Amino acid sequence: MDEPERGALIFYVAMVFFLANFALGILVQFRVVDTKPFRWLHHALFFAAFASAAVAAGVGFLQGAPYRWVLLPVLILFAVLPRVRAGTPGHAALAGGALILYAAGCVWML
């Protein structure tokens, strides 16, 4: 696997962590899943999403990858997200914004 492919892989890994956490958040919000017994899971997935996005952004800037600029606002949204109460429209808007940015990153990867 060459360097550009490795850079793309880390972007996709970061996106998968985000999507897993996003899906879990939606399932909890609509009461499909109750995470009270394992509330740490959402926090662990968020940490993995944040850390992998930071690594992907760093790799992207080192390699000049097309997705690198998309991850900067994602990291800003991730930094603000824990400060906005879960279950509120603001929390959903921040997560939705990150979802849109990740979709834009996928488009730029084409």
N, C-alpha and C. Protein backbone atom coordinates (compact mmCIF):
# COMPACT_ATOMS: atom_id res chain seq x y z
N MET A 1 0.85 -1.17 0.00
CA MET A 1 0.00 0.00 0.00
C MET A 1 0.90 1.24 0.00
N ASP A 2 0.69 2.14 -0.97
CA ASP A 2 1.52 3.33 -1.04
C ASP A 2 0.97 4.43 -0.13
N GLU A 3 1.70 5.53 -0.02
CA GLU A 3 1.35 6.60 0.91
C GLU A 3 -0.03 7.23 0.65
N PRO A 4 -0.37 7.57 -0.60
CA PRO A 4 -1.71 8.15 -0.82
C PRO A 4 -2.84 7.20 -0.42
N GLU A 5 -2.65 5.90 -0.68
CA GLU A 5 -3.68 4.93 -0.28
C GLU A 5 -3.79 4.84 1.23
N ARG A 6 -2.65 4.92 1.92
CA ARG A 6 -2.65 4.88 3.38
C ARG A 6 -3.35 6.12 3.93
N GLY A 7 -3.11 7.28 3.31
CA GLY A 7 -3.78 8.51 3.73
C GLY A 7 -5.28 8.41 3.53
N ALA A 8 -5.69 7.85 2.41
CA ALA A 8 -7.12 7.67 2.17
C ALA A 8 -7.71 6.70 3.18
N LEU A 9 -6.97 5.67 3.51
CA LEU A 9 -7.46 4.68 4.47
C LEU A 9 -7.71 5.31 5.83
N ILE A 10 -6.81 6.16 6.30
CA ILE A 10 -7.01 6.78 7.61
C ILE A 10 -8.20 7.72 7.59
N PHE A 11 -8.46 8.36 6.46
CA PHE A 11 -9.67 9.19 6.35
C PHE A 11 -10.91 8.32 6.49
N TYR A 12 -10.93 7.19 5.80
CA TYR A 12 -12.09 6.31 5.86
C TYR A 12 -12.26 5.68 7.24
N VAL A 13 -11.15 5.37 7.91
CA VAL A 13 -11.24 4.84 9.28
C VAL A 13 -11.86 5.90 10.19
N ALA A 14 -11.42 7.14 10.05
CA ALA A 14 -11.98 8.22 10.87
C ALA A 14 -13.47 8.38 10.58
N MET A 15 -13.84 8.27 9.32
CA MET A 15 -15.24 8.42 8.94
C MET A 15 -16.08 7.27 9.52
N VAL A 16 -15.55 6.07 9.51
CA VAL A 16 -16.29 4.92 10.06
C VAL A 16 -16.51 5.09 11.56
N PHE A 17 -15.49 5.55 12.30
CA PHE A 17 -15.68 5.80 13.73
C PHE A 17 -16.77 6.85 13.94
N PHE A 18 -16.73 7.92 13.14
CA PHE A 18 -17.74 8.96 13.26
C PHE A 18 -19.13 8.40 12.96
N LEU A 19 -19.25 7.66 11.85
CA LEU A 19 -20.56 7.13 11.46
C LEU A 19 -21.12 6.16 12.50
N ALA A 20 -20.24 5.36 13.11
CA ALA A 20 -20.70 4.45 14.16
C ALA A 20 -21.24 5.23 15.35
N ASN A 21 -20.53 6.29 15.73
CA ASN A 21 -20.98 7.11 16.85
C ASN A 21 -22.24 7.90 16.49
N PHE A 22 -22.31 8.38 15.27
CA PHE A 22 -23.48 9.11 14.79
C PHE A 22 -24.71 8.20 14.83
N ALA A 23 -24.55 6.99 14.31
CA ALA A 23 -25.67 6.04 14.29
C ALA A 23 -26.10 5.69 15.71
N LEU A 24 -25.15 5.47 16.60
CA LEU A 24 -25.49 5.17 17.98
C LEU A 24 -26.25 6.34 18.61
N GLY A 25 -25.80 7.56 18.34
CA GLY A 25 -26.49 8.73 18.87
C GLY A 25 -27.92 8.82 18.38
N ILE A 26 -28.14 8.55 17.12
CA ILE A 26 -29.50 8.59 16.57
C ILE A 26 -30.36 7.49 17.20
N LEU A 27 -29.81 6.30 17.34
CA LEU A 27 -30.57 5.20 17.94
C LEU A 27 -30.94 5.50 19.40
N VAL A 28 -30.04 6.15 20.11
CA VAL A 28 -30.34 6.52 21.50
C VAL A 28 -31.38 7.63 21.52
N GLN A 29 -31.23 8.62 20.64
CA GLN A 29 -32.16 9.74 20.61
C GLN A 29 -33.59 9.28 20.35
N PHE A 30 -33.75 8.32 19.44
CA PHE A 30 -35.08 7.82 19.12
C PHE A 30 -35.49 6.62 19.98
N ARG A 31 -34.73 6.38 21.04
CA ARG A 31 -35.03 5.35 22.03
C ARG A 31 -35.14 3.95 21.44
N VAL A 32 -34.37 3.71 20.40
CA VAL A 32 -34.28 2.35 19.84
C VAL A 32 -33.31 1.54 20.68
N VAL A 33 -32.29 2.21 21.20
CA VAL A 33 -31.25 1.59 22.02
C VAL A 33 -31.15 2.38 23.32
N ASP A 34 -30.98 1.68 24.42
CA ASP A 34 -30.75 2.33 25.71
C ASP A 34 -29.30 2.06 26.11
N THR A 35 -28.52 3.12 26.18
CA THR A 35 -27.09 2.95 26.50
C THR A 35 -26.77 3.20 27.96
N LYS A 36 -27.78 3.32 28.80
CA LYS A 36 -27.49 3.58 30.22
C LYS A 36 -26.53 2.55 30.82
N PRO A 37 -26.70 1.25 30.54
CA PRO A 37 -25.75 0.29 31.12
C PRO A 37 -24.33 0.40 30.54
N PHE A 38 -24.20 0.97 29.35
CA PHE A 38 -22.88 1.08 28.75
C PHE A 38 -22.71 2.46 28.09
N ARG A 39 -22.98 3.49 28.88
CA ARG A 39 -22.89 4.88 28.42
C ARG A 39 -21.49 5.21 27.92
N TRP A 40 -20.49 4.54 28.44
CA TRP A 40 -19.11 4.79 28.05
C TRP A 40 -18.87 4.52 26.57
N LEU A 41 -19.71 3.67 25.95
CA LEU A 41 -19.50 3.32 24.55
C LEU A 41 -19.57 4.54 23.64
N HIS A 42 -20.57 5.40 23.86
CA HIS A 42 -20.70 6.61 23.04
C HIS A 42 -19.48 7.51 23.22
N HIS A 43 -19.00 7.62 24.45
CA HIS A 43 -17.83 8.45 24.72
C HIS A 43 -16.57 7.84 24.12
N ALA A 44 -16.44 6.54 24.19
CA ALA A 44 -15.27 5.87 23.61
C ALA A 44 -15.27 6.02 22.09
N LEU A 45 -16.43 5.87 21.47
CA LEU A 45 -16.51 6.05 20.01
C LEU A 45 -16.22 7.50 19.62
N PHE A 46 -16.68 8.45 20.44
CA PHE A 46 -16.40 9.86 20.15
C PHE A 46 -14.90 10.12 20.24
N PHE A 47 -14.25 9.58 21.27
CA PHE A 47 -12.80 9.76 21.38
C PHE A 47 -12.09 9.16 20.17
N ALA A 48 -12.50 7.97 19.76
CA ALA A 48 -11.89 7.33 18.59
C ALA A 48 -12.13 8.16 17.33
N ALA A 49 -13.33 8.72 17.19
CA ALA A 49 -13.63 9.55 16.02
C ALA A 49 -12.78 10.82 16.03
N PHE A 50 -12.66 11.46 17.20
CA PHE A 50 -11.89 12.69 17.31
C PHE A 50 -10.40 12.41 17.06
N ALA A 51 -9.86 11.40 17.71
CA ALA A 51 -8.44 11.09 17.56
C ALA A 51 -8.11 10.66 16.14
N SER A 52 -8.94 9.84 15.53
CA SER A 52 -8.66 9.39 14.17
C SER A 52 -8.81 10.53 13.17
N ALA A 53 -9.73 11.46 13.41
CA ALA A 53 -9.87 12.63 12.54
C ALA A 53 -8.64 13.52 12.65
N ALA A 54 -8.11 13.67 13.87
CA ALA A 54 -6.90 14.48 14.05
C ALA A 54 -5.71 13.84 13.34
N VAL A 55 -5.57 12.53 13.46
CA VAL A 55 -4.47 11.83 12.78
C VAL A 55 -4.66 11.93 11.27
N ALA A 56 -5.88 11.74 10.79
CA ALA A 56 -6.15 11.82 9.35
C ALA A 56 -5.86 13.22 8.82
N ALA A 57 -6.20 14.24 9.59
CA ALA A 57 -5.91 15.61 9.17
C ALA A 57 -4.40 15.82 9.07
N GLY A 58 -3.68 15.35 10.07
CA GLY A 58 -2.22 15.48 10.04
C GLY A 58 -1.60 14.76 8.86
N VAL A 59 -2.02 13.53 8.63
CA VAL A 59 -1.53 12.76 7.49
C VAL A 59 -1.92 13.46 6.19
N GLY A 60 -3.14 13.97 6.15
CA GLY A 60 -3.62 14.66 4.95
C GLY A 60 -2.79 15.88 4.62
N PHE A 61 -2.41 16.64 5.63
CA PHE A 61 -1.58 17.82 5.37
C PHE A 61 -0.16 17.43 4.99
N LEU A 62 0.36 16.38 5.59
CA LEU A 62 1.71 15.92 5.22
C LEU A 62 1.76 15.42 3.78
N GLN A 63 0.69 14.80 3.33
CA GLN A 63 0.66 14.21 1.99
C GLN A 63 -0.02 15.10 0.96
N GLY A 64 -0.63 16.20 1.39
CA GLY A 64 -1.36 17.04 0.45
C GLY A 64 -2.64 16.38 -0.04
N ALA A 65 -3.25 15.57 0.81
CA ALA A 65 -4.46 14.84 0.43
C ALA A 65 -5.63 15.80 0.23
N PRO A 66 -6.53 15.47 -0.68
CA PRO A 66 -7.64 16.39 -0.98
C PRO A 66 -8.63 16.59 0.17
N TYR A 67 -8.71 15.67 1.10
CA TYR A 67 -9.67 15.77 2.19
C TYR A 67 -9.18 16.61 3.37
N ARG A 68 -7.92 17.03 3.34
CA ARG A 68 -7.31 17.67 4.52
C ARG A 68 -8.06 18.90 5.00
N TRP A 69 -8.59 19.71 4.08
CA TRP A 69 -9.27 20.94 4.48
C TRP A 69 -10.65 20.66 5.08
N VAL A 70 -11.24 19.56 4.71
CA VAL A 70 -12.56 19.20 5.25
C VAL A 70 -12.44 18.81 6.72
N LEU A 71 -11.34 18.21 7.10
CA LEU A 71 -11.20 17.73 8.47
C LEU A 71 -10.95 18.85 9.48
N LEU A 72 -10.46 19.99 9.05
CA LEU A 72 -10.25 21.08 10.01
C LEU A 72 -11.56 21.55 10.64
N PRO A 73 -12.60 21.85 9.84
CA PRO A 73 -13.87 22.20 10.51
C PRO A 73 -14.49 21.04 11.28
N VAL A 74 -14.24 19.81 10.84
CA VAL A 74 -14.73 18.65 11.59
C VAL A 74 -14.12 18.66 12.99
N LEU A 75 -12.83 18.92 13.07
CA LEU A 75 -12.16 18.95 14.38
C LEU A 75 -12.71 20.08 15.25
N ILE A 76 -13.03 21.21 14.64
CA ILE A 76 -13.63 22.31 15.40
C ILE A 76 -15.00 21.90 15.93
N LEU A 77 -15.80 21.28 15.07
CA LEU A 77 -17.12 20.80 15.52
C LEU A 77 -16.97 19.78 16.64
N PHE A 78 -16.00 18.88 16.50
CA PHE A 78 -15.77 17.87 17.54
C PHE A 78 -15.33 18.52 18.85
N ALA A 79 -14.59 19.61 18.78
CA ALA A 79 -14.15 20.29 20.00
C ALA A 79 -15.32 20.96 20.71
N VAL A 80 -16.30 21.42 19.95
CA VAL A 80 -17.45 22.11 20.53
C VAL A 80 -18.52 21.11 20.99
N LEU A 81 -18.64 20.01 20.32
CA LEU A 81 -19.71 19.03 20.55
C LEU A 81 -19.90 18.62 22.02
N PRO A 82 -18.85 18.32 22.76
CA PRO A 82 -19.06 17.90 24.16
C PRO A 82 -19.62 19.02 25.05
N ARG A 83 -19.50 20.26 24.60
CA ARG A 83 -19.97 21.39 25.39
C ARG A 83 -21.46 21.70 25.16
N VAL A 84 -22.06 21.00 24.20
CA VAL A 84 -23.48 21.20 23.89
C VAL A 84 -24.23 19.97 24.39
N ARG A 85 -25.25 20.22 25.17
CA ARG A 85 -25.99 19.13 25.81
C ARG A 85 -26.54 18.13 24.78
N ALA A 86 -26.33 16.86 25.06
CA ALA A 86 -26.83 15.79 24.19
C ALA A 86 -28.35 15.83 24.14
N GLY A 87 -28.89 15.49 22.99
CA GLY A 87 -30.33 15.46 22.83
C GLY A 87 -30.93 16.79 22.43
N THR A 88 -30.11 17.83 22.31
CA THR A 88 -30.62 19.14 21.93
C THR A 88 -30.45 19.35 20.42
N PRO A 89 -31.19 20.29 19.86
CA PRO A 89 -31.01 20.58 18.44
C PRO A 89 -29.59 21.04 18.10
N GLY A 90 -28.95 21.74 19.02
CA GLY A 90 -27.57 22.18 18.79
C GLY A 90 -26.61 21.01 18.66
N HIS A 91 -26.78 20.02 19.50
CA HIS A 91 -25.92 18.82 19.45
C HIS A 91 -26.14 18.10 18.11
N ALA A 92 -27.40 17.98 17.72
CA ALA A 92 -27.72 17.33 16.45
C ALA A 92 -27.17 18.13 15.27
N ALA A 93 -27.24 19.45 15.35
CA ALA A 93 -26.74 20.30 14.26
C ALA A 93 -25.22 20.16 14.11
N LEU A 94 -24.51 20.11 15.22
CA LEU A 94 -23.06 19.95 15.15
C LEU A 94 -22.69 18.60 14.55
N ALA A 95 -23.36 17.55 15.00
CA ALA A 95 -23.09 16.22 14.45
C ALA A 95 -23.49 16.15 12.98
N GLY A 96 -24.61 16.77 12.63
CA GLY A 96 -25.03 16.81 11.23
C GLY A 96 -24.05 17.58 10.36
N GLY A 97 -23.50 18.64 10.90
CA GLY A 97 -22.48 19.39 10.17
C GLY A 97 -21.25 18.54 9.89
N ALA A 98 -20.83 17.77 10.88
CA ALA A 98 -19.69 16.87 10.67
C ALA A 98 -20.02 15.81 9.62
N LEU A 99 -21.26 15.33 9.63
CA LEU A 99 -21.68 14.34 8.63
C LEU A 99 -21.57 14.93 7.22
N ILE A 100 -22.03 16.15 7.06
CA ILE A 100 -21.95 16.82 5.75
C ILE A 100 -20.49 17.00 5.33
N LEU A 101 -19.64 17.37 6.27
CA LEU A 101 -18.22 17.56 5.93
C LEU A 101 -17.55 16.25 5.54
N TYR A 102 -17.88 15.18 6.25
CA TYR A 102 -17.32 13.89 5.86
C TYR A 102 -17.81 13.48 4.46
N ALA A 103 -19.08 13.76 4.17
CA ALA A 103 -19.59 13.46 2.81
C ALA A 103 -18.82 14.27 1.76
N ALA A 104 -18.54 15.54 2.09
CA ALA A 104 -17.76 16.37 1.17
C ALA A 104 -16.35 15.80 0.99
N GLY A 105 -15.77 15.30 2.07
CA GLY A 105 -14.45 14.66 1.97
C GLY A 105 -14.46 13.46 1.06
N CYS A 106 -15.53 12.68 1.13
CA CYS A 106 -15.66 11.53 0.23
C CYS A 106 -15.74 11.96 -1.22
N VAL A 107 -16.48 13.03 -1.48
CA VAL A 107 -16.59 13.55 -2.83
C VAL A 107 -15.24 14.01 -3.33
N TRP A 108 -14.47 14.68 -2.48
CA TRP A 108 -13.14 15.16 -2.87
C TRP A 108 -12.18 14.02 -3.12
N MET A 109 -12.44 12.88 -2.51
CA MET A 109 -11.55 11.72 -2.70
C MET A 109 -11.73 11.10 -4.07
N LEU A 110 -12.86 11.37 -4.73
CA LEU A 110 -13.12 10.76 -6.05
C LEU A 110 -12.26 11.32 -7.10
